[in-house]
Amino acid sequence: MSGEIAVLESAEGTILWRTLQECRQAHWILQKEVSPGVFSVSLTTTGRRALETSGRPAN
């Protein structure tokens, strides 16, 4: 698993975006705008560790 997805800004305000905000606040993901209205979301090392300790495979 690459640990990276693209998310459209038009989905802002949805459960997905609220979840992404929580993950960003926990430092589990990085989010950056790669083009207008399109964001790259990737796992940080802390996020991968959180997945590993939760019992879910990170790969």
N, C-alpha and C. Protein backbone atom coordinates (compact mmCIF):
# COMPACT_ATOMS: atom_id res chain seq x y z
N MET A 1 0.84 -1.17 0.00
CA MET A 1 0.00 0.00 0.00
C MET A 1 0.88 1.23 0.00
N SER A 2 0.61 2.15 -0.90
CA SER A 2 1.44 3.35 -0.99
C SER A 2 1.19 4.32 0.14
N GLY A 3 -0.02 4.28 0.71
CA GLY A 3 -0.33 5.21 1.78
C GLY A 3 -0.67 6.59 1.30
N GLU A 4 -1.03 6.72 0.01
CA GLU A 4 -1.36 8.03 -0.54
C GLU A 4 -2.64 7.95 -1.37
N ILE A 5 -3.52 8.94 -1.17
CA ILE A 5 -4.74 9.02 -1.95
C ILE A 5 -4.94 10.46 -2.41
N ALA A 6 -5.82 10.65 -3.37
CA ALA A 6 -6.22 11.99 -3.81
C ALA A 6 -7.66 12.21 -3.36
N VAL A 7 -7.94 13.43 -2.89
CA VAL A 7 -9.27 13.77 -2.40
C VAL A 7 -9.69 15.09 -3.02
N LEU A 8 -10.94 15.16 -3.47
CA LEU A 8 -11.45 16.38 -4.07
C LEU A 8 -12.00 17.32 -3.01
N GLU A 9 -11.74 18.60 -3.20
CA GLU A 9 -12.22 19.61 -2.26
C GLU A 9 -13.75 19.64 -2.22
N SER A 10 -14.41 19.24 -3.30
CA SER A 10 -15.87 19.28 -3.35
C SER A 10 -16.50 18.38 -2.29
N ALA A 11 -15.71 17.47 -1.74
CA ALA A 11 -16.21 16.57 -0.70
C ALA A 11 -16.06 17.18 0.68
N GLU A 12 -15.55 18.41 0.76
CA GLU A 12 -15.32 19.05 2.05
C GLU A 12 -16.63 19.15 2.82
N GLY A 13 -16.56 18.91 4.13
CA GLY A 13 -17.75 18.92 4.96
C GLY A 13 -18.38 17.55 5.13
N THR A 14 -17.88 16.57 4.41
CA THR A 14 -18.40 15.20 4.49
C THR A 14 -17.73 14.46 5.65
N ILE A 15 -18.21 13.28 5.92
CA ILE A 15 -17.59 12.43 6.94
C ILE A 15 -16.13 12.18 6.60
N LEU A 16 -15.84 11.98 5.31
CA LEU A 16 -14.45 11.76 4.88
C LEU A 16 -13.57 12.93 5.31
N TRP A 17 -13.99 14.16 5.01
CA TRP A 17 -13.17 15.33 5.35
C TRP A 17 -13.05 15.52 6.85
N ARG A 18 -14.10 15.25 7.59
CA ARG A 18 -14.01 15.36 9.06
C ARG A 18 -13.03 14.33 9.61
N THR A 19 -13.06 13.14 9.05
CA THR A 19 -12.12 12.09 9.47
C THR A 19 -10.68 12.49 9.11
N LEU A 20 -10.49 13.04 7.92
CA LEU A 20 -9.15 13.50 7.53
C LEU A 20 -8.65 14.59 8.46
N GLN A 21 -9.53 15.49 8.87
CA GLN A 21 -9.13 16.55 9.81
C GLN A 21 -8.68 15.95 11.14
N GLU A 22 -9.41 14.95 11.63
CA GLU A 22 -9.02 14.29 12.88
C GLU A 22 -7.66 13.61 12.73
N CYS A 23 -7.46 12.95 11.60
CA CYS A 23 -6.18 12.27 11.35
C CYS A 23 -5.04 13.27 11.24
N ARG A 24 -5.30 14.40 10.60
CA ARG A 24 -4.27 15.44 10.47
C ARG A 24 -3.92 16.00 11.85
N GLN A 25 -4.94 16.22 12.71
CA GLN A 25 -4.69 16.73 14.05
C GLN A 25 -3.88 15.74 14.89
N ALA A 26 -4.04 14.45 14.62
CA ALA A 26 -3.28 13.41 15.32
C ALA A 26 -1.90 13.20 14.69
N HIS A 27 -1.60 13.94 13.61
CA HIS A 27 -0.33 13.84 12.88
C HIS A 27 -0.16 12.50 12.19
N TRP A 28 -1.28 11.87 11.82
CA TRP A 28 -1.24 10.59 11.12
C TRP A 28 -1.13 10.77 9.62
N ILE A 29 -1.52 11.94 9.10
CA ILE A 29 -1.48 12.18 7.66
C ILE A 29 -0.92 13.57 7.36
N LEU A 30 -0.47 13.72 6.14
CA LEU A 30 -0.11 15.02 5.58
C LEU A 30 -1.06 15.29 4.43
N GLN A 31 -1.47 16.52 4.29
CA GLN A 31 -2.40 16.89 3.23
C GLN A 31 -1.84 18.11 2.52
N LYS A 32 -1.79 18.06 1.19
CA LYS A 32 -1.36 19.24 0.44
C LYS A 32 -2.15 19.34 -0.86
N GLU A 33 -2.40 20.55 -1.27
CA GLU A 33 -3.14 20.78 -2.50
C GLU A 33 -2.18 20.61 -3.68
N VAL A 34 -2.48 19.68 -4.57
CA VAL A 34 -1.61 19.40 -5.70
C VAL A 34 -2.07 20.11 -6.97
N SER A 35 -3.33 20.45 -7.03
CA SER A 35 -3.88 21.29 -8.08
C SER A 35 -5.18 21.87 -7.53
N PRO A 36 -5.72 22.90 -8.15
CA PRO A 36 -6.91 23.52 -7.59
C PRO A 36 -8.03 22.50 -7.31
N GLY A 37 -8.39 22.39 -6.03
CA GLY A 37 -9.47 21.51 -5.64
C GLY A 37 -9.11 20.04 -5.48
N VAL A 38 -7.84 19.69 -5.68
CA VAL A 38 -7.39 18.30 -5.54
C VAL A 38 -6.27 18.24 -4.51
N PHE A 39 -6.45 17.39 -3.51
CA PHE A 39 -5.50 17.27 -2.42
C PHE A 39 -4.88 15.89 -2.38
N SER A 40 -3.58 15.85 -2.11
CA SER A 40 -2.87 14.61 -1.86
C SER A 40 -2.89 14.38 -0.36
N VAL A 41 -3.26 13.18 0.05
CA VAL A 41 -3.27 12.81 1.46
C VAL A 41 -2.37 11.60 1.61
N SER A 42 -1.36 11.71 2.47
CA SER A 42 -0.43 10.59 2.64
C SER A 42 -0.20 10.30 4.12
N LEU A 43 0.08 9.04 4.39
CA LEU A 43 0.36 8.60 5.76
C LEU A 43 1.72 9.09 6.21
N THR A 44 1.80 9.50 7.46
CA THR A 44 3.09 9.82 8.07
C THR A 44 3.63 8.56 8.75
N THR A 45 4.83 8.63 9.24
CA THR A 45 5.39 7.51 10.00
C THR A 45 4.54 7.24 11.23
N THR A 46 4.08 8.30 11.87
CA THR A 46 3.21 8.16 13.04
C THR A 46 1.92 7.45 12.66
N GLY A 47 1.37 7.79 11.50
CA GLY A 47 0.15 7.15 11.03
C GLY A 47 0.34 5.67 10.74
N ARG A 48 1.47 5.33 10.15
CA ARG A 48 1.76 3.91 9.89
C ARG A 48 1.89 3.14 11.19
N ARG A 49 2.57 3.74 12.17
CA ARG A 49 2.71 3.09 13.49
C ARG A 49 1.35 2.89 14.14
N ALA A 50 0.47 3.88 14.01
CA ALA A 50 -0.87 3.76 14.60
C ALA A 50 -1.62 2.59 13.96
N LEU A 51 -1.47 2.42 12.64
CA LEU A 51 -2.10 1.29 11.97
C LEU A 51 -1.52 -0.04 12.45
N GLU A 52 -0.21 -0.08 12.58
CA GLU A 52 0.45 -1.31 13.01
C GLU A 52 0.03 -1.70 14.42
N THR A 53 -0.07 -0.73 15.31
CA THR A 53 -0.42 -1.05 16.70
C THR A 53 -1.91 -1.32 16.87
N SER A 54 -2.72 -0.93 15.87
CA SER A 54 -4.15 -1.21 15.97
C SER A 54 -4.47 -2.62 15.50
N GLY A 55 -3.46 -3.33 14.99
CA GLY A 55 -3.66 -4.71 14.54
C GLY A 55 -4.02 -4.83 13.08
N ARG A 56 -4.09 -3.71 12.38
CA ARG A 56 -4.38 -3.74 10.95
C ARG A 56 -3.09 -3.63 10.17
N PRO A 57 -2.92 -4.42 9.13
CA PRO A 57 -1.69 -4.35 8.34
C PRO A 57 -1.57 -3.02 7.61
N ALA A 58 -0.37 -2.46 7.57
CA ALA A 58 -0.11 -1.21 6.88
C ALA A 58 0.28 -1.42 5.43
N ASN A 59 0.48 -2.68 4.97
CA ASN A 59 0.88 -2.91 3.58
C ASN A 59 -0.26 -3.55 2.87
